[in-house]
Amino acid sequence: MLWSRISDGEIERHIPALRRFARSLVRDRDAADDLVQETLLKAVSRWTQLRKSGSLRPWLFQILYNVARARFRKARFVEVDMPADTDREHPRTIGHSDEGIELRSALDALAQLPEDQRIVLELVAIEGLTYEEVSHVVDVPVGTVMSRLSRGREKLRSLLGESTQTRLRRVK
């Protein structure tokens, strides 16, 4: 059986990423911790549903995303925007103050994206999941993931004031 071969350490190494994703969904540290805990409880109770050993990370993200969606539907959750710099994990500045301003601008722009685009962008760019893994997490086709990712990146560039035109180079 596969579930008996998964160690506690293998699960624990995914917790920081799960916390980041949960925090981006609910914008509250305590609520995010609750989501992660519920995710881990559901995962432990459903070990037999895990098919391949390499699929643990996307499987955990899928459970977390489904738990969050269920909570939103059940409680008619109203999202409260909290500044990202209120937490030790999201410092007000990093290094030079210009870097802190750029980081803050990027986080603010990311928060302005439509939820479906923001979630896909975070899972691919921040958490490093493949398009296929993201499609399983959010339960949409890979083409939809690619489309949302493209639109999200384009919108993020425009919010940050960067050119959305693709520059082509001449190859001789």
N, C-alpha and C. Protein backbone atom coordinates (compact mmCIF):
# COMPACT_ATOMS: atom_id res chain seq x y z
N MET A 1 0.83 -1.17 0.00
CA MET A 1 0.00 0.00 0.00
C MET A 1 0.88 1.24 0.00
N LEU A 2 0.50 2.23 -0.79
CA LEU A 2 1.28 3.44 -0.94
C LEU A 2 1.30 4.28 0.33
N TRP A 3 0.16 4.45 0.95
CA TRP A 3 0.06 5.36 2.09
C TRP A 3 0.97 4.97 3.23
N SER A 4 1.29 3.72 3.34
CA SER A 4 2.15 3.29 4.44
C SER A 4 3.61 3.67 4.19
N ARG A 5 3.94 4.00 2.94
CA ARG A 5 5.31 4.36 2.60
C ARG A 5 5.58 5.86 2.71
N ILE A 6 4.57 6.66 2.95
CA ILE A 6 4.75 8.10 3.06
C ILE A 6 5.13 8.44 4.50
N SER A 7 6.24 9.14 4.64
CA SER A 7 6.73 9.47 5.98
C SER A 7 6.15 10.79 6.47
N ASP A 8 6.22 10.99 7.78
CA ASP A 8 5.77 12.25 8.36
C ASP A 8 6.56 13.42 7.79
N GLY A 9 7.86 13.21 7.59
CA GLY A 9 8.72 14.27 7.05
C GLY A 9 8.31 14.69 5.65
N GLU A 10 7.87 13.71 4.85
CA GLU A 10 7.44 14.03 3.49
C GLU A 10 6.19 14.91 3.51
N ILE A 11 5.32 14.65 4.45
CA ILE A 11 4.11 15.47 4.58
C ILE A 11 4.47 16.84 5.15
N GLU A 12 5.29 16.86 6.18
CA GLU A 12 5.64 18.11 6.86
C GLU A 12 6.32 19.10 5.93
N ARG A 13 7.07 18.64 4.97
CA ARG A 13 7.78 19.58 4.10
C ARG A 13 6.84 20.36 3.18
N HIS A 14 5.59 19.90 3.05
CA HIS A 14 4.61 20.60 2.23
C HIS A 14 3.79 21.61 3.02
N ILE A 15 3.88 21.59 4.33
CA ILE A 15 3.06 22.47 5.16
C ILE A 15 3.32 23.96 4.90
N PRO A 16 4.56 24.43 4.79
CA PRO A 16 4.76 25.87 4.50
C PRO A 16 4.08 26.31 3.19
N ALA A 17 4.18 25.49 2.16
CA ALA A 17 3.54 25.83 0.89
C ALA A 17 2.01 25.82 1.03
N LEU A 18 1.49 24.86 1.77
CA LEU A 18 0.05 24.82 2.01
C LEU A 18 -0.41 26.05 2.78
N ARG A 19 0.40 26.47 3.76
CA ARG A 19 0.05 27.67 4.53
C ARG A 19 0.05 28.92 3.65
N ARG A 20 1.04 29.03 2.75
CA ARG A 20 1.08 30.19 1.84
C ARG A 20 -0.16 30.23 0.98
N PHE A 21 -0.51 29.08 0.41
CA PHE A 21 -1.67 29.03 -0.48
C PHE A 21 -2.95 29.31 0.30
N ALA A 22 -3.08 28.72 1.48
CA ALA A 22 -4.27 28.96 2.31
C ALA A 22 -4.37 30.44 2.68
N ARG A 23 -3.24 31.03 3.01
CA ARG A 23 -3.22 32.46 3.38
C ARG A 23 -3.65 33.32 2.20
N SER A 24 -3.25 32.94 1.01
CA SER A 24 -3.65 33.72 -0.16
C SER A 24 -5.14 33.58 -0.44
N LEU A 25 -5.73 32.47 -0.03
CA LEU A 25 -7.15 32.26 -0.25
C LEU A 25 -8.01 33.01 0.76
N VAL A 26 -7.60 33.02 2.03
CA VAL A 26 -8.46 33.59 3.07
C VAL A 26 -7.93 34.89 3.67
N ARG A 27 -6.68 35.23 3.43
CA ARG A 27 -6.08 36.49 3.88
C ARG A 27 -6.07 36.67 5.41
N ASP A 28 -6.03 35.55 6.11
CA ASP A 28 -6.01 35.60 7.57
C ASP A 28 -5.18 34.43 8.08
N ARG A 29 -4.20 34.71 8.91
CA ARG A 29 -3.27 33.66 9.37
C ARG A 29 -3.98 32.55 10.12
N ASP A 30 -4.86 32.90 11.05
CA ASP A 30 -5.54 31.87 11.84
C ASP A 30 -6.47 31.02 10.97
N ALA A 31 -7.23 31.67 10.09
CA ALA A 31 -8.12 30.92 9.20
C ALA A 31 -7.31 30.03 8.26
N ALA A 32 -6.14 30.52 7.82
CA ALA A 32 -5.27 29.72 6.95
C ALA A 32 -4.76 28.49 7.70
N ASP A 33 -4.34 28.68 8.94
CA ASP A 33 -3.88 27.55 9.74
C ASP A 33 -4.99 26.52 9.94
N ASP A 34 -6.21 27.00 10.15
CA ASP A 34 -7.35 26.09 10.28
C ASP A 34 -7.57 25.30 8.99
N LEU A 35 -7.46 25.98 7.84
CA LEU A 35 -7.61 25.30 6.56
C LEU A 35 -6.55 24.22 6.37
N VAL A 36 -5.31 24.55 6.71
CA VAL A 36 -4.22 23.58 6.57
C VAL A 36 -4.46 22.39 7.48
N GLN A 37 -4.87 22.66 8.71
CA GLN A 37 -5.12 21.56 9.64
C GLN A 37 -6.24 20.66 9.13
N GLU A 38 -7.32 21.27 8.65
CA GLU A 38 -8.42 20.46 8.13
C GLU A 38 -7.97 19.67 6.90
N THR A 39 -7.12 20.29 6.08
CA THR A 39 -6.58 19.61 4.90
C THR A 39 -5.79 18.37 5.31
N LEU A 40 -4.92 18.53 6.30
CA LEU A 40 -4.10 17.41 6.74
C LEU A 40 -4.94 16.30 7.36
N LEU A 41 -5.96 16.68 8.11
CA LEU A 41 -6.86 15.68 8.68
C LEU A 41 -7.58 14.89 7.59
N LYS A 42 -8.06 15.61 6.58
CA LYS A 42 -8.73 14.93 5.47
C LYS A 42 -7.76 14.03 4.71
N ALA A 43 -6.54 14.51 4.52
CA ALA A 43 -5.54 13.71 3.81
C ALA A 43 -5.24 12.42 4.56
N VAL A 44 -5.06 12.51 5.87
CA VAL A 44 -4.77 11.33 6.67
C VAL A 44 -5.94 10.34 6.63
N SER A 45 -7.15 10.87 6.64
CA SER A 45 -8.31 9.98 6.62
C SER A 45 -8.56 9.37 5.24
N ARG A 46 -7.88 9.90 4.22
CA ARG A 46 -8.12 9.42 2.85
C ARG A 46 -6.84 8.94 2.15
N TRP A 47 -5.89 8.43 2.93
CA TRP A 47 -4.62 7.97 2.33
C TRP A 47 -4.82 7.02 1.18
N THR A 48 -5.82 6.17 1.27
CA THR A 48 -6.02 5.15 0.25
C THR A 48 -6.40 5.75 -1.10
N GLN A 49 -6.82 7.01 -1.13
CA GLN A 49 -7.19 7.66 -2.39
C GLN A 49 -5.97 8.18 -3.16
N LEU A 50 -4.84 8.28 -2.49
CA LEU A 50 -3.62 8.75 -3.14
C LEU A 50 -3.12 7.67 -4.08
N ARG A 51 -2.97 8.01 -5.35
CA ARG A 51 -2.64 7.00 -6.37
C ARG A 51 -1.15 6.76 -6.56
N LYS A 52 -0.37 7.83 -6.72
CA LYS A 52 1.06 7.69 -7.00
C LYS A 52 1.85 8.46 -5.96
N SER A 53 3.03 7.98 -5.62
CA SER A 53 3.83 8.65 -4.60
C SER A 53 4.23 10.06 -5.01
N GLY A 54 4.44 10.32 -6.28
CA GLY A 54 4.83 11.65 -6.74
C GLY A 54 3.69 12.64 -6.75
N SER A 55 2.50 12.18 -6.47
CA SER A 55 1.34 13.07 -6.56
C SER A 55 0.90 13.62 -5.20
N LEU A 56 1.70 13.46 -4.17
CA LEU A 56 1.31 13.93 -2.83
C LEU A 56 1.09 15.44 -2.80
N ARG A 57 2.03 16.22 -3.32
CA ARG A 57 1.94 17.68 -3.26
C ARG A 57 0.67 18.20 -3.95
N PRO A 58 0.43 17.87 -5.23
CA PRO A 58 -0.79 18.38 -5.85
C PRO A 58 -2.06 17.84 -5.18
N TRP A 59 -2.00 16.61 -4.67
CA TRP A 59 -3.15 16.03 -3.99
C TRP A 59 -3.48 16.85 -2.74
N LEU A 60 -2.47 17.25 -1.96
CA LEU A 60 -2.69 18.08 -0.78
C LEU A 60 -3.25 19.44 -1.16
N PHE A 61 -2.72 20.04 -2.24
CA PHE A 61 -3.24 21.33 -2.70
C PHE A 61 -4.70 21.20 -3.14
N GLN A 62 -5.03 20.10 -3.79
CA GLN A 62 -6.40 19.89 -4.23
C GLN A 62 -7.34 19.78 -3.04
N ILE A 63 -6.93 19.05 -2.03
CA ILE A 63 -7.76 18.94 -0.82
C ILE A 63 -7.94 20.31 -0.19
N LEU A 64 -6.86 21.06 -0.05
CA LEU A 64 -6.93 22.40 0.55
C LEU A 64 -7.88 23.30 -0.23
N TYR A 65 -7.74 23.29 -1.54
CA TYR A 65 -8.60 24.14 -2.39
C TYR A 65 -10.07 23.74 -2.24
N ASN A 66 -10.34 22.45 -2.21
CA ASN A 66 -11.72 21.98 -2.05
C ASN A 66 -12.28 22.32 -0.67
N VAL A 67 -11.46 22.20 0.36
CA VAL A 67 -11.89 22.56 1.72
C VAL A 67 -12.22 24.05 1.77
N ALA A 68 -11.37 24.87 1.16
CA ALA A 68 -11.61 26.32 1.16
C ALA A 68 -12.90 26.66 0.41
N ARG A 69 -13.10 26.04 -0.76
CA ARG A 69 -14.33 26.30 -1.52
C ARG A 69 -15.56 25.89 -0.73
N ALA A 70 -15.48 24.76 -0.06
CA ALA A 70 -16.63 24.29 0.74
C ALA A 70 -16.92 25.27 1.88
N ARG A 71 -15.87 25.77 2.51
CA ARG A 71 -16.08 26.74 3.59
C ARG A 71 -16.69 28.03 3.06
N PHE A 72 -16.23 28.48 1.89
CA PHE A 72 -16.77 29.72 1.32
C PHE A 72 -18.25 29.57 1.02
N ARG A 73 -18.61 28.43 0.44
CA ARG A 73 -20.01 28.19 0.11
C ARG A 73 -20.86 28.07 1.37
N LYS A 74 -20.35 27.34 2.33
CA LYS A 74 -21.11 27.05 3.55
C LYS A 74 -21.35 28.30 4.39
N ALA A 75 -20.32 29.09 4.56
CA ALA A 75 -20.42 30.25 5.45
C ALA A 75 -20.71 31.54 4.72
N ARG A 76 -20.81 31.47 3.39
CA ARG A 76 -20.96 32.70 2.60
C ARG A 76 -19.87 33.68 3.04
N PHE A 77 -18.67 33.15 3.02
CA PHE A 77 -17.47 33.84 3.50
C PHE A 77 -17.28 35.18 2.78
N VAL A 78 -17.06 36.23 3.56
CA VAL A 78 -16.76 37.55 3.01
C VAL A 78 -15.27 37.77 3.21
N GLU A 79 -14.57 37.97 2.10
CA GLU A 79 -13.12 38.14 2.15
C GLU A 79 -12.77 39.52 2.69
N VAL A 80 -11.85 39.56 3.65
CA VAL A 80 -11.38 40.81 4.23
C VAL A 80 -9.95 41.00 3.81
N ASP A 81 -9.68 42.14 3.16
CA ASP A 81 -8.31 42.40 2.73
C ASP A 81 -7.47 42.80 3.92
N MET A 82 -6.36 42.12 4.08
CA MET A 82 -5.40 42.43 5.13
C MET A 82 -4.08 42.73 4.47
N PRO A 83 -3.37 43.75 4.93
CA PRO A 83 -2.06 44.02 4.35
C PRO A 83 -1.14 42.84 4.53
N ALA A 84 -0.38 42.52 3.49
CA ALA A 84 0.51 41.37 3.54
C ALA A 84 1.66 41.58 4.51
N ASP A 85 1.93 42.81 4.91
CA ASP A 85 3.08 43.07 5.77
C ASP A 85 2.75 42.99 7.26
N THR A 86 1.57 42.47 7.61
CA THR A 86 1.22 42.34 9.02
C THR A 86 1.72 41.03 9.61
N ASP A 87 2.41 40.24 8.83
CA ASP A 87 2.85 38.93 9.27
C ASP A 87 4.36 38.81 9.12
N ARG A 88 4.99 38.05 10.02
CA ARG A 88 6.44 37.83 9.93
C ARG A 88 6.83 37.22 8.60
N GLU A 89 5.94 36.40 8.03
CA GLU A 89 6.26 35.73 6.77
C GLU A 89 6.24 36.68 5.59
N HIS A 90 5.62 37.83 5.74
CA HIS A 90 5.53 38.82 4.67
C HIS A 90 6.05 40.15 5.21
N PRO A 91 7.36 40.31 5.29
CA PRO A 91 7.93 41.52 5.87
C PRO A 91 7.61 42.76 5.05
N ARG A 92 7.63 43.89 5.74
CA ARG A 92 7.34 45.17 5.10
C ARG A 92 8.40 45.48 4.04
N THR A 93 9.64 45.21 4.32
CA THR A 93 10.69 45.45 3.34
C THR A 93 11.65 44.27 3.32
N ILE A 94 12.28 44.10 2.21
CA ILE A 94 13.31 43.08 2.08
C ILE A 94 14.53 43.79 1.54
N GLY A 95 15.60 43.77 2.30
CA GLY A 95 16.82 44.42 1.84
C GLY A 95 16.63 45.91 1.70
N HIS A 96 16.90 46.42 0.54
CA HIS A 96 16.81 47.83 0.23
C HIS A 96 15.34 48.26 0.19
N SER A 97 15.04 49.49 0.56
CA SER A 97 13.66 49.95 0.63
C SER A 97 12.97 49.93 -0.73
N ASP A 98 13.72 50.15 -1.82
CA ASP A 98 13.12 50.07 -3.15
C ASP A 98 12.61 48.66 -3.44
N GLU A 99 13.35 47.66 -2.97
CA GLU A 99 12.92 46.28 -3.16
C GLU A 99 11.63 46.03 -2.39
N GLY A 100 11.52 46.61 -1.19
CA GLY A 100 10.30 46.47 -0.40
C GLY A 100 9.11 47.11 -1.08
N ILE A 101 9.33 48.25 -1.70
CA ILE A 101 8.25 48.94 -2.41
C ILE A 101 7.82 48.12 -3.62
N GLU A 102 8.79 47.58 -4.35
CA GLU A 102 8.47 46.75 -5.50
C GLU A 102 7.72 45.49 -5.07
N LEU A 103 8.16 44.86 -3.98
CA LEU A 103 7.49 43.67 -3.48
C LEU A 103 6.06 44.00 -3.07
N ARG A 104 5.90 45.11 -2.36
CA ARG A 104 4.56 45.52 -1.92
C ARG A 104 3.66 45.79 -3.11
N SER A 105 4.20 46.44 -4.14
CA SER A 105 3.42 46.73 -5.35
C SER A 105 3.02 45.43 -6.05
N ALA A 106 3.95 44.49 -6.11
CA ALA A 106 3.65 43.20 -6.76
C ALA A 106 2.58 42.44 -5.98
N LEU A 107 2.68 42.43 -4.65
CA LEU A 107 1.67 41.74 -3.83
C LEU A 107 0.31 42.41 -3.95
N ASP A 108 0.29 43.74 -3.97
CA ASP A 108 -0.97 44.46 -4.14
C ASP A 108 -1.59 44.16 -5.50
N ALA A 109 -0.75 44.14 -6.55
CA ALA A 109 -1.24 43.85 -7.90
C ALA A 109 -1.76 42.41 -7.97
N LEU A 110 -1.05 41.48 -7.36
CA LEU A 110 -1.48 40.09 -7.35
C LEU A 110 -2.84 39.96 -6.67
N ALA A 111 -3.05 40.69 -5.61
CA ALA A 111 -4.33 40.64 -4.88
C ALA A 111 -5.49 41.20 -5.71
N GLN A 112 -5.18 42.04 -6.70
CA GLN A 112 -6.22 42.64 -7.54
C GLN A 112 -6.69 41.72 -8.68
N LEU A 113 -5.94 40.66 -8.93
CA LEU A 113 -6.32 39.74 -10.01
C LEU A 113 -7.61 39.01 -9.66
N PRO A 114 -8.39 38.64 -10.67
CA PRO A 114 -9.55 37.79 -10.40
C PRO A 114 -9.08 36.50 -9.74
N GLU A 115 -9.88 35.97 -8.84
CA GLU A 115 -9.47 34.81 -8.04
C GLU A 115 -9.00 33.63 -8.88
N ASP A 116 -9.72 33.32 -9.96
CA ASP A 116 -9.32 32.17 -10.76
C ASP A 116 -7.95 32.35 -11.39
N GLN A 117 -7.62 33.57 -11.82
CA GLN A 117 -6.30 33.85 -12.39
C GLN A 117 -5.23 33.87 -11.30
N ARG A 118 -5.54 34.48 -10.16
CA ARG A 118 -4.57 34.58 -9.06
C ARG A 118 -4.18 33.21 -8.54
N ILE A 119 -5.16 32.34 -8.36
CA ILE A 119 -4.89 31.00 -7.82
C ILE A 119 -3.98 30.22 -8.76
N VAL A 120 -4.28 30.25 -10.06
CA VAL A 120 -3.46 29.53 -11.03
C VAL A 120 -2.05 30.11 -11.07
N LEU A 121 -1.94 31.42 -11.07
CA LEU A 121 -0.63 32.08 -11.10
C LEU A 121 0.20 31.72 -9.86
N GLU A 122 -0.42 31.72 -8.69
CA GLU A 122 0.29 31.37 -7.46
C GLU A 122 0.75 29.91 -7.47
N LEU A 123 -0.12 29.02 -7.92
CA LEU A 123 0.24 27.60 -7.91
C LEU A 123 1.37 27.29 -8.89
N VAL A 124 1.39 27.97 -10.05
CA VAL A 124 2.43 27.73 -11.03
C VAL A 124 3.71 28.49 -10.67
N ALA A 125 3.59 29.80 -10.46
CA ALA A 125 4.79 30.64 -10.29
C ALA A 125 5.40 30.56 -8.90
N ILE A 126 4.58 30.45 -7.88
CA ILE A 126 5.11 30.46 -6.52
C ILE A 126 5.32 29.04 -5.99
N GLU A 127 4.34 28.18 -6.19
CA GLU A 127 4.43 26.83 -5.64
C GLU A 127 5.09 25.83 -6.58
N GLY A 128 5.26 26.21 -7.85
CA GLY A 128 5.99 25.36 -8.79
C GLY A 128 5.26 24.13 -9.28
N LEU A 129 3.93 24.14 -9.21
CA LEU A 129 3.18 23.00 -9.73
C LEU A 129 3.14 23.05 -11.25
N THR A 130 3.04 21.90 -11.87
CA THR A 130 2.92 21.84 -13.33
C THR A 130 1.50 22.22 -13.73
N TYR A 131 1.31 22.52 -15.01
CA TYR A 131 -0.03 22.86 -15.51
C TYR A 131 -1.00 21.71 -15.24
N GLU A 132 -0.54 20.50 -15.45
CA GLU A 132 -1.40 19.33 -15.23
C GLU A 132 -1.78 19.20 -13.75
N GLU A 133 -0.81 19.42 -12.86
CA GLU A 133 -1.11 19.34 -11.43
C GLU A 133 -2.11 20.43 -11.03
N VAL A 134 -1.93 21.63 -11.57
CA VAL A 134 -2.86 22.72 -11.26
C VAL A 134 -4.25 22.39 -11.79
N SER A 135 -4.31 21.77 -12.97
CA SER A 135 -5.63 21.43 -13.52
C SER A 135 -6.36 20.45 -12.61
N HIS A 136 -5.63 19.55 -11.95
CA HIS A 136 -6.25 18.62 -11.00
C HIS A 136 -6.66 19.35 -9.71
N VAL A 137 -5.83 20.29 -9.27
CA VAL A 137 -6.14 21.02 -8.04
C VAL A 137 -7.42 21.83 -8.19
N VAL A 138 -7.54 22.59 -9.28
CA VAL A 138 -8.70 23.47 -9.45
C VAL A 138 -9.81 22.85 -10.29
N ASP A 139 -9.57 21.60 -10.75
CA ASP A 139 -10.57 20.82 -11.46
C ASP A 139 -11.06 21.50 -12.75
N VAL A 140 -10.09 21.93 -13.57
CA VAL A 140 -10.39 22.48 -14.89
C VAL A 140 -9.41 21.86 -15.88
N PRO A 141 -9.71 21.89 -17.18
CA PRO A 141 -8.78 21.35 -18.17
C PRO A 141 -7.46 22.12 -18.21
N VAL A 142 -6.41 21.47 -18.69
CA VAL A 142 -5.08 22.09 -18.78
C VAL A 142 -5.14 23.35 -19.64
N GLY A 143 -5.91 23.34 -20.71
CA GLY A 143 -6.05 24.52 -21.57
C GLY A 143 -6.60 25.71 -20.81
N THR A 144 -7.53 25.46 -19.91
CA THR A 144 -8.10 26.54 -19.10
C THR A 144 -7.05 27.08 -18.13
N VAL A 145 -6.23 26.19 -17.57
CA VAL A 145 -5.13 26.63 -16.71
C VAL A 145 -4.20 27.54 -17.48
N MET A 146 -3.83 27.13 -18.68
CA MET A 146 -2.92 27.93 -19.51
C MET A 146 -3.53 29.28 -19.86
N SER A 147 -4.81 29.29 -20.17
CA SER A 147 -5.50 30.53 -20.50
C SER A 147 -5.55 31.47 -19.30
N ARG A 148 -5.93 30.93 -18.14
CA ARG A 148 -6.00 31.76 -16.93
C ARG A 148 -4.62 32.29 -16.56
N LEU A 149 -3.61 31.46 -16.71
CA LEU A 149 -2.25 31.86 -16.41
C LEU A 149 -1.81 32.99 -17.34
N SER A 150 -2.08 32.85 -18.61
CA SER A 150 -1.71 33.88 -19.59
C SER A 150 -2.42 35.20 -19.29
N ARG A 151 -3.74 35.13 -19.07
CA ARG A 151 -4.49 36.34 -18.76
C ARG A 151 -4.05 36.95 -17.44
N GLY A 152 -3.74 36.11 -16.46
CA GLY A 152 -3.28 36.61 -15.17
C GLY A 152 -1.94 37.32 -15.28
N ARG A 153 -1.02 36.73 -16.02
CA ARG A 153 0.30 37.36 -16.21
C ARG A 153 0.16 38.69 -16.95
N GLU A 154 -0.68 38.70 -17.97
CA GLU A 154 -0.89 39.93 -18.73
C GLU A 154 -1.50 41.02 -17.86
N LYS A 155 -2.50 40.67 -17.08
CA LYS A 155 -3.16 41.64 -16.18
C LYS A 155 -2.17 42.13 -15.12
N LEU A 156 -1.35 41.22 -14.59
CA LEU A 156 -0.36 41.58 -13.58
C LEU A 156 0.65 42.57 -14.17
N ARG A 157 1.10 42.31 -15.39
CA ARG A 157 2.03 43.24 -16.05
C ARG A 157 1.40 44.62 -16.21
N SER A 158 0.13 44.65 -16.62
CA SER A 158 -0.53 45.95 -16.81
C SER A 158 -0.72 46.67 -15.48
N LEU A 159 -1.04 45.94 -14.41
CA LEU A 159 -1.20 46.55 -13.09
C LEU A 159 0.12 47.10 -12.57
N LEU A 160 1.22 46.45 -12.94
CA LEU A 160 2.54 46.90 -12.51
C LEU A 160 3.14 47.93 -13.45
N GLY A 161 2.39 48.28 -14.51
CA GLY A 161 2.86 49.30 -15.44
C GLY A 161 3.92 48.83 -16.40
N GLU A 162 4.04 47.52 -16.56
CA GLU A 162 5.02 46.97 -17.50
C GLU A 162 4.35 46.79 -18.85
N SER A 163 5.15 46.78 -19.87
CA SER A 163 4.64 46.60 -21.23
C SER A 163 4.09 45.19 -21.38
N THR A 164 2.92 45.10 -22.01
CA THR A 164 2.32 43.79 -22.25
C THR A 164 2.67 43.27 -23.63
N GLN A 165 3.41 44.07 -24.40
CA GLN A 165 3.81 43.61 -25.73
C GLN A 165 4.97 42.63 -25.61
N THR A 166 4.90 41.61 -26.40
CA THR A 166 5.99 40.64 -26.44
C THR A 166 7.05 41.15 -27.40
N ARG A 167 8.26 41.20 -26.91
CA ARG A 167 9.35 41.66 -27.77
C ARG A 167 9.97 40.45 -28.45
N LEU A 168 10.05 40.52 -29.75
CA LEU A 168 10.65 39.44 -30.52
C LEU A 168 12.08 39.83 -30.89
N ARG A 169 12.97 38.87 -30.87
CA ARG A 169 14.32 39.14 -31.31
C ARG A 169 14.53 38.47 -32.66
N ARG A 170 15.38 39.07 -33.38
CA ARG A 170 15.71 38.52 -34.69
C ARG A 170 16.80 37.49 -34.52
N VAL A 171 16.59 36.31 -35.06
CA VAL A 171 17.58 35.25 -35.00
C VAL A 171 18.07 35.02 -36.40
N LYS A 172 19.38 35.14 -36.60
CA LYS A 172 19.94 34.99 -37.94
C LYS A 172 20.41 33.59 -38.18
